[in-house]
Amino acid sequence: MGTRYKGAKGEVRALNAFINLVRAAESVVGRLTPVMDEAGLTVSQFGALETLFHLGPMCQRELGAKLLKSGGNVTMIVNNLEKRGLVTRSRSGKDRRRVTVRLTRRGRVLIGRVFPVVLAGIVREMGLLGPAEQEELRRLCRIVGKRERAIGN
């Protein structure tokens, strides 16, 4: 579905591209969330567990940067995961502002069970595109994603 906006050709093209990007992402995420829902995880909580699972313990601020979440938002995500016993937090002895987040055994077991199912769904969704198209999509998304930093400054 394209826009009904009747602006300049470049504006309409950019708006349509944006609408298609957002709709495609939300559609794919919507098809992947039932597995996360079944595990009682939001998309953001899944992302946090997956990041810790693959990258290991990290500073809460760094986790927020990886997830593209604000400080307050990542605090809420980690609070909720901590309440469920899926992660722990510890403050650095040298710098009390530095909070390290770690998966618990329970968190490792949960993400170890859920991640392969979500990954299979991702592979199925992206399988609509050939390998070269997947690489091109990745390349284009990186260009658009990195633009955010320039706009935000």
N, C-alpha and C. Protein backbone atom coordinates (compact mmCIF):
# COMPACT_ATOMS: atom_id res chain seq x y z
N MET A 1 0.85 -1.17 0.00
CA MET A 1 0.00 0.00 0.00
C MET A 1 0.90 1.23 0.00
N GLY A 2 0.67 2.08 -0.95
CA GLY A 2 1.43 3.31 -1.03
C GLY A 2 0.71 4.46 -0.34
N THR A 3 1.38 5.54 -0.30
CA THR A 3 0.81 6.74 0.32
C THR A 3 -0.19 7.40 -0.62
N ARG A 4 -1.09 8.14 -0.05
CA ARG A 4 -2.03 8.95 -0.84
C ARG A 4 -1.57 10.41 -0.83
N TYR A 5 -0.42 10.63 -0.23
CA TYR A 5 0.15 11.98 -0.17
C TYR A 5 0.46 12.46 -1.59
N LYS A 6 0.10 13.67 -1.88
CA LYS A 6 0.30 14.23 -3.23
C LYS A 6 1.37 15.31 -3.22
N GLY A 7 2.55 14.95 -2.80
CA GLY A 7 3.64 15.91 -2.75
C GLY A 7 4.56 15.78 -3.94
N ALA A 8 5.74 16.32 -3.77
CA ALA A 8 6.76 16.23 -4.81
C ALA A 8 7.12 14.76 -5.03
N LYS A 9 7.53 14.45 -6.26
CA LYS A 9 7.84 13.07 -6.65
C LYS A 9 8.85 12.42 -5.68
N GLY A 10 9.90 13.16 -5.31
CA GLY A 10 10.91 12.62 -4.39
C GLY A 10 10.34 12.36 -3.00
N GLU A 11 9.44 13.22 -2.54
CA GLU A 11 8.80 13.02 -1.24
C GLU A 11 7.93 11.78 -1.25
N VAL A 12 7.14 11.62 -2.30
CA VAL A 12 6.24 10.46 -2.42
C VAL A 12 7.06 9.17 -2.48
N ARG A 13 8.12 9.18 -3.28
CA ARG A 13 8.99 8.00 -3.41
C ARG A 13 9.60 7.63 -2.06
N ALA A 14 10.14 8.64 -1.34
CA ALA A 14 10.75 8.39 -0.03
C ALA A 14 9.72 7.88 0.97
N LEU A 15 8.54 8.49 0.98
CA LEU A 15 7.49 8.08 1.89
C LEU A 15 7.04 6.66 1.60
N ASN A 16 6.86 6.33 0.32
CA ASN A 16 6.47 4.96 -0.04
C ASN A 16 7.54 3.95 0.35
N ALA A 17 8.80 4.28 0.16
CA ALA A 17 9.88 3.37 0.56
C ALA A 17 9.86 3.16 2.07
N PHE A 18 9.66 4.24 2.81
CA PHE A 18 9.60 4.15 4.27
C PHE A 18 8.42 3.29 4.71
N ILE A 19 7.25 3.53 4.13
CA ILE A 19 6.06 2.74 4.47
C ILE A 19 6.31 1.27 4.20
N ASN A 20 6.88 0.95 3.05
CA ASN A 20 7.14 -0.46 2.71
C ASN A 20 8.16 -1.09 3.65
N LEU A 21 9.19 -0.34 4.02
CA LEU A 21 10.20 -0.84 4.95
C LEU A 21 9.57 -1.17 6.31
N VAL A 22 8.82 -0.23 6.85
CA VAL A 22 8.20 -0.42 8.17
C VAL A 22 7.17 -1.54 8.13
N ARG A 23 6.34 -1.56 7.10
CA ARG A 23 5.31 -2.60 7.00
C ARG A 23 5.94 -3.99 6.85
N ALA A 24 6.98 -4.09 6.05
CA ALA A 24 7.65 -5.39 5.88
C ALA A 24 8.26 -5.86 7.21
N ALA A 25 8.94 -4.95 7.90
CA ALA A 25 9.57 -5.33 9.18
C ALA A 25 8.51 -5.74 10.20
N GLU A 26 7.45 -4.96 10.31
CA GLU A 26 6.39 -5.28 11.28
C GLU A 26 5.68 -6.58 10.92
N SER A 27 5.52 -6.84 9.64
CA SER A 27 4.87 -8.06 9.19
C SER A 27 5.71 -9.29 9.55
N VAL A 28 7.00 -9.22 9.27
CA VAL A 28 7.90 -10.33 9.59
C VAL A 28 7.96 -10.55 11.10
N VAL A 29 8.15 -9.48 11.86
CA VAL A 29 8.20 -9.59 13.32
C VAL A 29 6.89 -10.18 13.85
N GLY A 30 5.77 -9.75 13.27
CA GLY A 30 4.48 -10.27 13.69
C GLY A 30 4.35 -11.77 13.50
N ARG A 31 4.96 -12.28 12.44
CA ARG A 31 4.91 -13.73 12.20
C ARG A 31 5.89 -14.49 13.09
N LEU A 32 6.90 -13.81 13.62
CA LEU A 32 7.90 -14.47 14.47
C LEU A 32 7.55 -14.40 15.96
N THR A 33 6.71 -13.46 16.35
CA THR A 33 6.46 -13.26 17.78
C THR A 33 5.69 -14.37 18.49
N PRO A 34 4.87 -15.19 17.82
CA PRO A 34 4.16 -16.23 18.58
C PRO A 34 5.09 -17.13 19.40
N VAL A 35 6.25 -17.45 18.87
CA VAL A 35 7.20 -18.29 19.62
C VAL A 35 7.72 -17.55 20.84
N MET A 36 7.99 -16.25 20.68
CA MET A 36 8.45 -15.44 21.80
C MET A 36 7.32 -15.28 22.83
N ASP A 37 6.12 -15.04 22.34
CA ASP A 37 4.96 -14.91 23.23
C ASP A 37 4.77 -16.18 24.07
N GLU A 38 4.92 -17.32 23.42
CA GLU A 38 4.77 -18.60 24.11
C GLU A 38 5.76 -18.73 25.27
N ALA A 39 6.95 -18.15 25.09
CA ALA A 39 7.98 -18.18 26.13
C ALA A 39 7.81 -17.02 27.11
N GLY A 40 6.79 -16.19 26.89
CA GLY A 40 6.55 -15.06 27.78
C GLY A 40 7.53 -13.92 27.57
N LEU A 41 8.05 -13.80 26.35
CA LEU A 41 9.04 -12.77 26.05
C LEU A 41 8.50 -11.76 25.06
N THR A 42 8.84 -10.50 25.28
CA THR A 42 8.59 -9.48 24.27
C THR A 42 9.72 -9.55 23.26
N VAL A 43 9.55 -8.88 22.14
CA VAL A 43 10.61 -8.84 21.13
C VAL A 43 11.88 -8.25 21.73
N SER A 44 11.75 -7.20 22.53
CA SER A 44 12.92 -6.56 23.15
C SER A 44 13.59 -7.48 24.16
N GLN A 45 12.81 -8.20 24.94
CA GLN A 45 13.38 -9.15 25.90
C GLN A 45 14.11 -10.27 25.18
N PHE A 46 13.50 -10.77 24.11
CA PHE A 46 14.17 -11.79 23.30
C PHE A 46 15.50 -11.26 22.78
N GLY A 47 15.49 -10.02 22.26
CA GLY A 47 16.71 -9.41 21.74
C GLY A 47 17.80 -9.30 22.79
N ALA A 48 17.40 -8.93 24.00
CA ALA A 48 18.38 -8.82 25.09
C ALA A 48 18.97 -10.19 25.43
N LEU A 49 18.12 -11.19 25.57
CA LEU A 49 18.61 -12.54 25.89
C LEU A 49 19.49 -13.08 24.77
N GLU A 50 19.07 -12.87 23.53
CA GLU A 50 19.86 -13.36 22.39
C GLU A 50 21.22 -12.68 22.34
N THR A 51 21.26 -11.39 22.61
CA THR A 51 22.53 -10.65 22.60
C THR A 51 23.46 -11.19 23.68
N LEU A 52 22.94 -11.36 24.89
CA LEU A 52 23.76 -11.88 25.99
C LEU A 52 24.19 -13.33 25.72
N PHE A 53 23.32 -14.10 25.11
CA PHE A 53 23.61 -15.50 24.79
C PHE A 53 24.79 -15.61 23.82
N HIS A 54 24.79 -14.73 22.81
CA HIS A 54 25.83 -14.82 21.78
C HIS A 54 27.07 -13.97 22.06
N LEU A 55 26.92 -12.89 22.81
CA LEU A 55 28.06 -12.01 23.06
C LEU A 55 28.59 -12.09 24.49
N GLY A 56 27.82 -12.69 25.38
CA GLY A 56 28.26 -12.81 26.77
C GLY A 56 27.87 -11.60 27.59
N PRO A 57 28.24 -11.61 28.88
CA PRO A 57 27.88 -10.51 29.78
C PRO A 57 28.36 -9.18 29.24
N MET A 58 27.58 -8.15 29.49
CA MET A 58 27.99 -6.82 29.03
C MET A 58 27.36 -5.74 29.90
N CYS A 59 27.95 -4.59 29.82
CA CYS A 59 27.45 -3.40 30.51
C CYS A 59 26.04 -3.10 30.01
N GLN A 60 25.17 -2.73 30.93
CA GLN A 60 23.78 -2.46 30.57
C GLN A 60 23.68 -1.37 29.50
N ARG A 61 24.53 -0.38 29.58
CA ARG A 61 24.54 0.71 28.59
C ARG A 61 24.90 0.16 27.21
N GLU A 62 25.88 -0.75 27.15
CA GLU A 62 26.29 -1.37 25.89
C GLU A 62 25.15 -2.24 25.34
N LEU A 63 24.46 -2.94 26.21
CA LEU A 63 23.32 -3.75 25.80
C LEU A 63 22.25 -2.86 25.16
N GLY A 64 21.98 -1.73 25.78
CA GLY A 64 21.03 -0.78 25.22
C GLY A 64 21.44 -0.29 23.85
N ALA A 65 22.73 -0.03 23.67
CA ALA A 65 23.22 0.42 22.37
C ALA A 65 23.05 -0.68 21.31
N LYS A 66 23.32 -1.92 21.68
CA LYS A 66 23.14 -3.04 20.74
C LYS A 66 21.69 -3.20 20.33
N LEU A 67 20.79 -2.96 21.27
CA LEU A 67 19.35 -3.12 21.02
C LEU A 67 18.70 -1.85 20.46
N LEU A 68 19.47 -0.77 20.37
CA LEU A 68 18.96 0.54 19.95
C LEU A 68 17.83 1.00 20.88
N LYS A 69 18.05 0.85 22.18
CA LYS A 69 17.06 1.24 23.19
C LYS A 69 17.65 2.32 24.08
N SER A 70 16.77 3.19 24.57
CA SER A 70 17.20 4.25 25.48
C SER A 70 17.59 3.64 26.82
N GLY A 71 18.28 4.40 27.63
CA GLY A 71 18.69 3.92 28.96
C GLY A 71 17.51 3.48 29.80
N GLY A 72 16.44 4.28 29.81
CA GLY A 72 15.26 3.93 30.59
C GLY A 72 14.58 2.68 30.08
N ASN A 73 14.54 2.53 28.76
CA ASN A 73 13.89 1.38 28.18
C ASN A 73 14.66 0.10 28.46
N VAL A 74 15.98 0.15 28.33
CA VAL A 74 16.77 -1.06 28.59
C VAL A 74 16.71 -1.41 30.07
N THR A 75 16.62 -0.42 30.94
CA THR A 75 16.47 -0.69 32.38
C THR A 75 15.19 -1.46 32.63
N MET A 76 14.10 -1.05 32.00
CA MET A 76 12.82 -1.74 32.16
C MET A 76 12.91 -3.18 31.63
N ILE A 77 13.54 -3.36 30.48
CA ILE A 77 13.70 -4.70 29.90
C ILE A 77 14.47 -5.59 30.85
N VAL A 78 15.60 -5.09 31.34
CA VAL A 78 16.45 -5.88 32.24
C VAL A 78 15.74 -6.12 33.57
N ASN A 79 15.03 -5.13 34.09
CA ASN A 79 14.26 -5.32 35.33
C ASN A 79 13.30 -6.49 35.19
N ASN A 80 12.56 -6.52 34.09
CA ASN A 80 11.59 -7.59 33.88
C ASN A 80 12.24 -8.95 33.70
N LEU A 81 13.37 -8.99 33.01
CA LEU A 81 14.10 -10.26 32.87
C LEU A 81 14.67 -10.71 34.21
N GLU A 82 15.13 -9.76 35.00
CA GLU A 82 15.69 -10.07 36.31
C GLU A 82 14.60 -10.62 37.25
N LYS A 83 13.41 -10.03 37.20
CA LYS A 83 12.29 -10.51 38.03
C LYS A 83 11.96 -11.97 37.73
N ARG A 84 12.16 -12.38 36.49
CA ARG A 84 11.88 -13.76 36.09
C ARG A 84 13.06 -14.70 36.32
N GLY A 85 14.16 -14.14 36.82
CA GLY A 85 15.33 -14.97 37.09
C GLY A 85 16.11 -15.35 35.84
N LEU A 86 15.96 -14.56 34.77
CA LEU A 86 16.63 -14.88 33.51
C LEU A 86 17.98 -14.18 33.36
N VAL A 87 18.16 -13.07 34.08
CA VAL A 87 19.43 -12.34 34.08
C VAL A 87 19.73 -11.86 35.49
N THR A 88 21.00 -11.55 35.71
CA THR A 88 21.41 -10.89 36.95
C THR A 88 22.17 -9.63 36.57
N ARG A 89 22.20 -8.70 37.51
CA ARG A 89 22.97 -7.47 37.33
C ARG A 89 23.95 -7.35 38.48
N SER A 90 25.13 -6.83 38.16
CA SER A 90 26.10 -6.54 39.21
C SER A 90 26.79 -5.23 38.91
N ARG A 91 27.07 -4.49 39.98
CA ARG A 91 27.77 -3.20 39.83
C ARG A 91 29.26 -3.44 39.93
N SER A 92 30.00 -2.67 39.18
CA SER A 92 31.46 -2.74 39.21
C SER A 92 31.95 -2.15 40.53
N GLY A 93 32.95 -2.78 41.12
CA GLY A 93 33.54 -2.26 42.35
C GLY A 93 34.27 -0.95 42.13
N LYS A 94 34.85 -0.79 40.94
CA LYS A 94 35.63 0.41 40.62
C LYS A 94 34.74 1.58 40.20
N ASP A 95 33.69 1.28 39.46
CA ASP A 95 32.80 2.32 38.97
C ASP A 95 31.37 1.85 39.19
N ARG A 96 30.75 2.32 40.25
CA ARG A 96 29.41 1.85 40.65
C ARG A 96 28.35 2.17 39.60
N ARG A 97 28.66 3.08 38.68
CA ARG A 97 27.69 3.39 37.61
C ARG A 97 27.65 2.28 36.56
N ARG A 98 28.72 1.49 36.49
CA ARG A 98 28.80 0.41 35.49
C ARG A 98 28.05 -0.82 36.01
N VAL A 99 27.00 -1.19 35.30
CA VAL A 99 26.17 -2.34 35.67
C VAL A 99 26.33 -3.41 34.59
N THR A 100 26.80 -4.58 34.99
CA THR A 100 26.99 -5.68 34.06
C THR A 100 25.80 -6.62 34.14
N VAL A 101 25.28 -6.99 32.98
CA VAL A 101 24.13 -7.90 32.88
C VAL A 101 24.64 -9.25 32.40
N ARG A 102 24.18 -10.31 33.09
CA ARG A 102 24.57 -11.68 32.74
C ARG A 102 23.35 -12.58 32.68
N LEU A 103 23.39 -13.54 31.78
CA LEU A 103 22.35 -14.57 31.76
C LEU A 103 22.51 -15.48 32.97
N THR A 104 21.39 -15.89 33.53
CA THR A 104 21.43 -16.93 34.55
C THR A 104 21.33 -18.27 33.83
N ARG A 105 21.48 -19.33 34.57
CA ARG A 105 21.32 -20.67 33.97
C ARG A 105 19.94 -20.78 33.36
N ARG A 106 18.93 -20.32 34.09
CA ARG A 106 17.55 -20.36 33.62
C ARG A 106 17.38 -19.55 32.32
N GLY A 107 18.01 -18.38 32.25
CA GLY A 107 17.96 -17.55 31.05
C GLY A 107 18.64 -18.22 29.87
N ARG A 108 19.78 -18.88 30.14
CA ARG A 108 20.52 -19.59 29.10
C ARG A 108 19.69 -20.74 28.54
N VAL A 109 19.02 -21.46 29.43
CA VAL A 109 18.18 -22.58 29.00
C VAL A 109 17.02 -22.07 28.14
N LEU A 110 16.37 -20.99 28.60
CA LEU A 110 15.23 -20.46 27.85
C LEU A 110 15.63 -19.98 26.46
N ILE A 111 16.66 -19.14 26.38
CA ILE A 111 17.04 -18.62 25.07
C ILE A 111 17.63 -19.73 24.20
N GLY A 112 18.28 -20.70 24.82
CA GLY A 112 18.80 -21.84 24.07
C GLY A 112 17.70 -22.67 23.44
N ARG A 113 16.53 -22.66 24.05
CA ARG A 113 15.37 -23.38 23.52
C ARG A 113 14.61 -22.54 22.49
N VAL A 114 14.44 -21.24 22.75
CA VAL A 114 13.62 -20.38 21.91
C VAL A 114 14.38 -19.90 20.66
N PHE A 115 15.67 -19.59 20.81
CA PHE A 115 16.42 -19.02 19.69
C PHE A 115 16.38 -19.89 18.43
N PRO A 116 16.63 -21.20 18.51
CA PRO A 116 16.62 -22.00 17.28
C PRO A 116 15.26 -21.98 16.55
N VAL A 117 14.18 -21.90 17.30
CA VAL A 117 12.85 -21.86 16.68
C VAL A 117 12.64 -20.51 15.97
N VAL A 118 13.04 -19.43 16.63
CA VAL A 118 12.93 -18.10 16.01
C VAL A 118 13.84 -18.02 14.79
N LEU A 119 15.06 -18.53 14.91
CA LEU A 119 16.00 -18.54 13.79
C LEU A 119 15.42 -19.29 12.60
N ALA A 120 14.80 -20.43 12.84
CA ALA A 120 14.19 -21.20 11.74
C ALA A 120 13.11 -20.35 11.06
N GLY A 121 12.35 -19.60 11.85
CA GLY A 121 11.35 -18.71 11.28
C GLY A 121 11.97 -17.59 10.46
N ILE A 122 13.08 -17.05 10.95
CA ILE A 122 13.78 -15.99 10.22
C ILE A 122 14.30 -16.53 8.89
N VAL A 123 14.89 -17.72 8.93
CA VAL A 123 15.41 -18.33 7.71
C VAL A 123 14.26 -18.56 6.71
N ARG A 124 13.13 -19.02 7.21
CA ARG A 124 11.96 -19.24 6.36
C ARG A 124 11.48 -17.91 5.75
N GLU A 125 11.37 -16.87 6.58
CA GLU A 125 10.93 -15.56 6.09
C GLU A 125 11.89 -15.00 5.05
N MET A 126 13.17 -15.04 5.34
CA MET A 126 14.16 -14.47 4.43
C MET A 126 14.38 -15.36 3.20
N GLY A 127 13.91 -16.61 3.28
CA GLY A 127 14.03 -17.54 2.17
C GLY A 127 13.24 -17.10 0.94
N LEU A 128 12.34 -16.14 1.12
CA LEU A 128 11.62 -15.59 -0.03
C LEU A 128 12.58 -14.87 -0.97
N LEU A 129 13.71 -14.44 -0.42
CA LEU A 129 14.75 -13.77 -1.20
C LEU A 129 15.91 -14.74 -1.43
N GLY A 130 16.54 -14.61 -2.56
CA GLY A 130 17.73 -15.41 -2.83
C GLY A 130 18.90 -14.86 -2.03
N PRO A 131 20.03 -15.60 -2.02
CA PRO A 131 21.20 -15.15 -1.26
C PRO A 131 21.68 -13.75 -1.65
N ALA A 132 21.74 -13.46 -2.93
CA ALA A 132 22.20 -12.13 -3.36
C ALA A 132 21.21 -11.05 -2.93
N GLU A 133 19.91 -11.36 -2.98
CA GLU A 133 18.91 -10.38 -2.55
C GLU A 133 18.98 -10.14 -1.05
N GLN A 134 19.24 -11.21 -0.28
CA GLN A 134 19.39 -11.04 1.17
C GLN A 134 20.58 -10.15 1.49
N GLU A 135 21.69 -10.35 0.79
CA GLU A 135 22.87 -9.51 1.00
C GLU A 135 22.59 -8.07 0.60
N GLU A 136 21.86 -7.86 -0.50
CA GLU A 136 21.51 -6.52 -0.94
C GLU A 136 20.59 -5.84 0.07
N LEU A 137 19.61 -6.57 0.58
CA LEU A 137 18.71 -6.03 1.60
C LEU A 137 19.52 -5.62 2.83
N ARG A 138 20.42 -6.48 3.25
CA ARG A 138 21.28 -6.17 4.41
C ARG A 138 22.09 -4.90 4.16
N ARG A 139 22.67 -4.80 2.97
CA ARG A 139 23.49 -3.64 2.61
C ARG A 139 22.66 -2.36 2.65
N LEU A 140 21.48 -2.40 2.06
CA LEU A 140 20.62 -1.22 2.03
C LEU A 140 20.15 -0.84 3.42
N CYS A 141 19.79 -1.83 4.23
CA CYS A 141 19.34 -1.54 5.60
C CYS A 141 20.45 -0.92 6.43
N ARG A 142 21.68 -1.38 6.23
CA ARG A 142 22.81 -0.79 6.95
C ARG A 142 22.99 0.68 6.57
N ILE A 143 22.83 0.99 5.31
CA ILE A 143 22.96 2.38 4.87
C ILE A 143 21.90 3.23 5.56
N VAL A 144 20.65 2.79 5.52
CA VAL A 144 19.56 3.54 6.13
C VAL A 144 19.73 3.60 7.65
N GLY A 145 20.12 2.49 8.26
CA GLY A 145 20.29 2.44 9.71
C GLY A 145 21.39 3.34 10.22
N LYS A 146 22.47 3.44 9.49
CA LYS A 146 23.58 4.30 9.92
C LYS A 146 23.24 5.78 9.76
N ARG A 147 22.30 6.09 8.90
CA ARG A 147 21.88 7.48 8.69
C ARG A 147 21.31 8.07 9.98
N GLU A 148 20.72 7.22 10.80
CA GLU A 148 20.11 7.67 12.07
C GLU A 148 21.08 8.47 12.91
N ARG A 149 22.31 8.01 12.97
CA ARG A 149 23.31 8.70 13.80
C ARG A 149 23.54 10.12 13.30
N ALA A 150 23.55 10.30 11.99
CA ALA A 150 23.79 11.62 11.42
C ALA A 150 22.61 12.55 11.69
N ILE A 151 21.39 12.04 11.61
CA ILE A 151 20.20 12.86 11.83
C ILE A 151 20.08 13.24 13.31
N GLY A 152 20.39 12.30 14.18
CA GLY A 152 20.26 12.53 15.61
C GLY A 152 21.23 13.56 16.17
N ASN A 153 22.27 13.88 15.45
CA ASN A 153 23.28 14.82 15.96
C ASN A 153 22.98 16.24 15.57
